[in-house]
Amino acid sequence: MDWFLIALIGPVLYAITNHIDKYILEKYFKAGEVGAIVLFSALFSFVALPVIFIIEPSVFTVSIITKIALMVSGSLNVVCLILYLKALQDDEVSVVAPFYQTIPIFGFILGYFILGETLNRQELLSALIILIGTTIVSFDFSDGKPKFKKRVAFLMLTSSVLFAIIGVVFKTIAVDEGFWLSIFWSLSGNIMIGSLIFLFVKSYRLQFLKVFKVNSKAILAVSSLNELIFISADGMTAFATLLAPISLVMIVNGFQPIFVFIIGVVMTLFFPKFGSESLTKNDLIQKILAIIFIASGTILLNFSR
């Protein structure tokens, strides 16, 4: 199979998980209870650890400092998930998901200050174009006048900054220690923070336990499917980087907001009980314009490398 088709599977699957997240929130947690999803996602890593250990038995040979760094990185993943779910409660998937295209921008900024990397004019222009796109989608025009979505923008930009930090830490260590060893301890961090949240955050613990009493089979089935799709997306993206330059794969990943939008339109028109998006003329123009800017900026950014 051509590398492009393989790379394309990743953003399609990521877009599907975005909509499943929204479906779970609206179907089962209408009162704003994200704790069950957070804990399930964090503790689901237990399933992957034995498999990784079989693949890479030397995971325990790494230094304690490296273990801590990767576990902290993994813990931040859970924080990012909380921020993302909170934003998803406030707005549509096609508004929330595009903010993740700012991650490369923050990655470049971190590289500049931490690693001494430099930014050329094309990279700065790319960042500006992406920011214009996210700014467009950050406004609500439903009342006839623009209203800035401060909460959604703050939650998602904070999540993107943390994801950029996670990426820098993970890639720095994985280059020397290997992918499987790094992912093992990163997932261990997920489990660690998930366990701490379960023990010390009562509201999240009660929400998680409630899942096993009300609609437990349905929630667990949908959540498990969602996690498997997300893991598959990660796997296909990683596999694509073995067949083509990372920069090209990242260009393809930049089209995730487009797939999010397309899936949202299809669901609204044909499967509204699973989710819907506003398809008014003004909203469509706003979303399409934002996607054009974000996709263009992402492509330009990756061609600058």
Foldseek 3Di string as FASTA:
>chain_A
DDLLVLLLLLLLLVLVLLLLLLLCCVPPPVVLQCLQLLLCLLQVLVVVQVVLCVVPVCLPVDDPVLLVLLLVLLLLLSVLVVLLSVLSSVAPSLLQVLLLLLLVVLLVVCCCVPVVDDDDPLLVVLNVLLVVLNQLSQWDCPVPDTDGNVSSNVSSNVSSNSVSVSVVSLVVVCVPPNDSSSVSSSSVSSNVNSVVCCVPVVSSVVVNVVCCVPVVVVSVVSSVVSSVSNVVSVVSLVVSCVVDPNLVSQLSSLCSSVSSVVVQVCCQVPPPSSHHDDPDPVVVVSSVSSSVSSSVSSNSNSVVD
